[in-house]
C-alpha atoms as a PDB file:
ATOM      1  CA  MET A   1     108.985 -97.979 -60.467  1.00  0.00           C
ATOM      2  CA  ASP A   2     109.238 -96.239 -63.794  1.00  0.00           C
ATOM      3  CA  GLU A   3     107.498 -97.434 -66.926  1.00  0.00           C
ATOM      4  CA  LEU A   4     110.560 -99.109 -68.457  1.00  0.00           C
ATOM      5  CA  SER A   5     111.328-101.234 -65.401  1.00  0.00           C
ATOM      6  CA  GLN A   6     107.921-102.940 -65.406  1.00  0.00           C
ATOM      7  CA  ARG A   7     107.619-106.430 -66.832  1.00  0.00           C
ATOM      8  CA  ILE A   8     106.113-106.586 -70.322  1.00  0.00           C
ATOM      9  CA  ASP A   9     103.554-109.399 -70.399  1.00  0.00           C
ATOM     10  CA  PRO A  10     104.336-112.079 -73.015  1.00  0.00           C
ATOM     11  CA  THR A  11     100.826-111.722 -74.470  1.00  0.00           C
ATOM     12  CA  THR A  12     101.643-108.130 -75.464  1.00  0.00           C
ATOM     13  CA  ASP A  13     101.793-107.511 -79.213  1.00  0.00           C
ATOM     14  CA  ARG A  14     105.431-107.643 -80.416  1.00  0.00           C
ATOM     15  CA  THR A  15     105.119-104.313 -82.215  1.00  0.00           C
ATOM     16  CA  ALA A  16     103.832-102.602 -79.057  1.00  0.00           C
ATOM     17  CA  ALA A  17     106.580-104.205 -76.957  1.00  0.00           C
ATOM     18  CA  ALA A  18     109.188-103.102 -79.496  1.00  0.00           C
ATOM     19  CA  ARG A  19     107.963 -99.493 -79.231  1.00  0.00           C
ATOM     20  CA  LEU A  20     108.281 -99.626 -75.433  1.00  0.00           C
ATOM     21  CA  LEU A  21     111.747-101.171 -75.663  1.00  0.00           C
ATOM     22  CA  GLY A  22     113.013 -98.973 -78.511  1.00  0.00           C
ATOM     23  CA  CYS A  23     113.853-101.796 -80.895  1.00  0.00           C
ATOM     24  CA  ALA A  24     112.476-103.592 -83.947  1.00  0.00           C
ATOM     25  CA  PRO A  25     109.693-106.187 -83.453  1.00  0.00           C
ATOM     26  CA  ASP A  26     111.965-108.992 -84.697  1.00  0.00           C
ATOM     27  CA  GLU A  27     114.440-108.166 -81.883  1.00  0.00           C
ATOM     28  CA  VAL A  28     111.867-108.845 -79.138  1.00  0.00           C
ATOM     29  CA  GLY A  29     112.142-112.136 -77.243  1.00  0.00           C
ATOM     30  CA  TYR A  30     111.526-113.724 -73.859  1.00  0.00           C
ATOM     31  CA  CYS A  31     113.467-112.900 -70.694  1.00  0.00           C
ATOM     32  CA  PRO A  32     114.925-116.187 -69.370  1.00  0.00           C
ATOM     33  CA  ARG A  33     114.137-115.190 -65.769  1.00  0.00           C
ATOM     34  CA  CYS A  34     110.518-114.027 -65.866  1.00  0.00           C
ATOM     35  CA  GLN A  35     109.402-114.927 -69.416  1.00  0.00           C
ATOM     36  CA  GLY A  36     108.376-111.302 -70.007  1.00  0.00           C
ATOM     37  CA  LEU A  37     109.285-109.605 -73.275  1.00  0.00           C
ATOM     38  CA  THR A  38     112.633-107.872 -73.700  1.00  0.00           C
ATOM     39  CA  HIS A  39     115.002-106.543 -76.385  1.00  0.00           C
ATOM     40  CA  ARG A  40     116.580-109.977 -76.711  1.00  0.00           C
ATOM     41  CA  TYR A  41     118.172-109.965 -80.173  1.00  0.00           C
ATOM     42  CA  GLY A  42     120.130-107.573 -82.381  1.00  0.00           C
ATOM     43  CA  ARG A  43     122.289-104.575 -81.647  1.00  0.00           C
ATOM     44  CA  ASP A  44     122.378-103.378 -78.017  1.00  0.00           C
ATOM     45  CA  ALA A  45     120.244-106.350 -76.918  1.00  0.00           C
ATOM     46  CA  GLN A  46     119.762-107.052 -73.215  1.00  0.00           C
ATOM     47  CA  ILE A  47     118.879-110.693 -72.606  1.00  0.00           C
ATOM     48  CA  ILE A  48     117.584-109.950 -69.096  1.00  0.00           C
ATOM     49  CA  CYS A  49     114.536-107.654 -69.141  1.00  0.00           C
ATOM     50  CA  PRO A  50     114.612-104.194 -67.523  1.00  0.00           C
ATOM     51  CA  ALA A  51     112.293-105.365 -64.705  1.00  0.00           C
ATOM     52  CA  CYS A  52     114.599-108.229 -63.700  1.00  0.00           C
ATOM     53  CA  ARG A  53     117.695-106.007 -63.961  1.00  0.00           C
ATOM     54  CA  ALA A  54     115.993-103.367 -61.780  1.00  0.00           C
ATOM     55  CA  ALA A  55     115.043-106.008 -59.204  1.00  0.00           C
ATOM     56  CA  GLU A  56     118.636-107.199 -58.821  1.00  0.00           C
ATOM     57  CA  THR A  57     120.156-103.699 -58.455  1.00  0.00           C
ATOM     58  CA  PRO A  58     119.216-101.671 -55.365  1.00  0.00           C
ATOM     59  CA  PRO A  59     118.285 -98.030 -56.129  1.00  0.00           C
ATOM     60  CA  GLY A  60     121.281 -95.729 -56.050  1.00  0.00           C
ATOM     61  CA  ALA A  61     123.770 -98.592 -56.144  1.00  0.00           C
ATOM     62  CA  ALA A  62     126.775 -98.079 -58.374  1.00  0.00           C
ATOM     63  CA  SER A  63     127.566-100.752 -60.890  1.00  0.00           C
ATOM     64  CA  PRO A  64     130.541-102.927 -59.950  1.00  0.00           C
ATOM     65  CA  ALA A  65     133.976-101.884 -61.180  1.00  0.00           C
ATOM     66  CA  PRO A  66     135.259-103.785 -64.199  1.00  0.00           C
ATOM     67  CA  ARG A  67     137.376-106.760 -63.344  1.00  0.00           C
ATOM     68  CA  THR A  68     141.055-106.437 -64.155  1.00  0.00           C
ATOM     69  CA  THR A  69     143.566-109.185 -64.593  1.00  0.00           C
ATOM     70  CA  SER A  70     147.215-109.025 -63.693  1.00  0.00           C
ATOM     71  CA  THR A  71     149.762-109.973 -66.341  1.00  0.00           C
ATOM     72  CA  ALA A  72     152.700-110.061 -63.954  1.00  0.00           C
END
């Protein structure tokens, strides 16, 4: 598991968490799944933390194709 896909403990300083996540400290919030810290607010925010996203996607799995709707 690489460094970014590990859960960031909620007791971690917001400034330190922001440095790990590559965002501003005021954009750090809680992951709704594990309550760890994540880039929750602002531009390019991901509500689900990297650790939870990594746990739900098997290694080497391609992301699902975008859903298309028929207009006919």
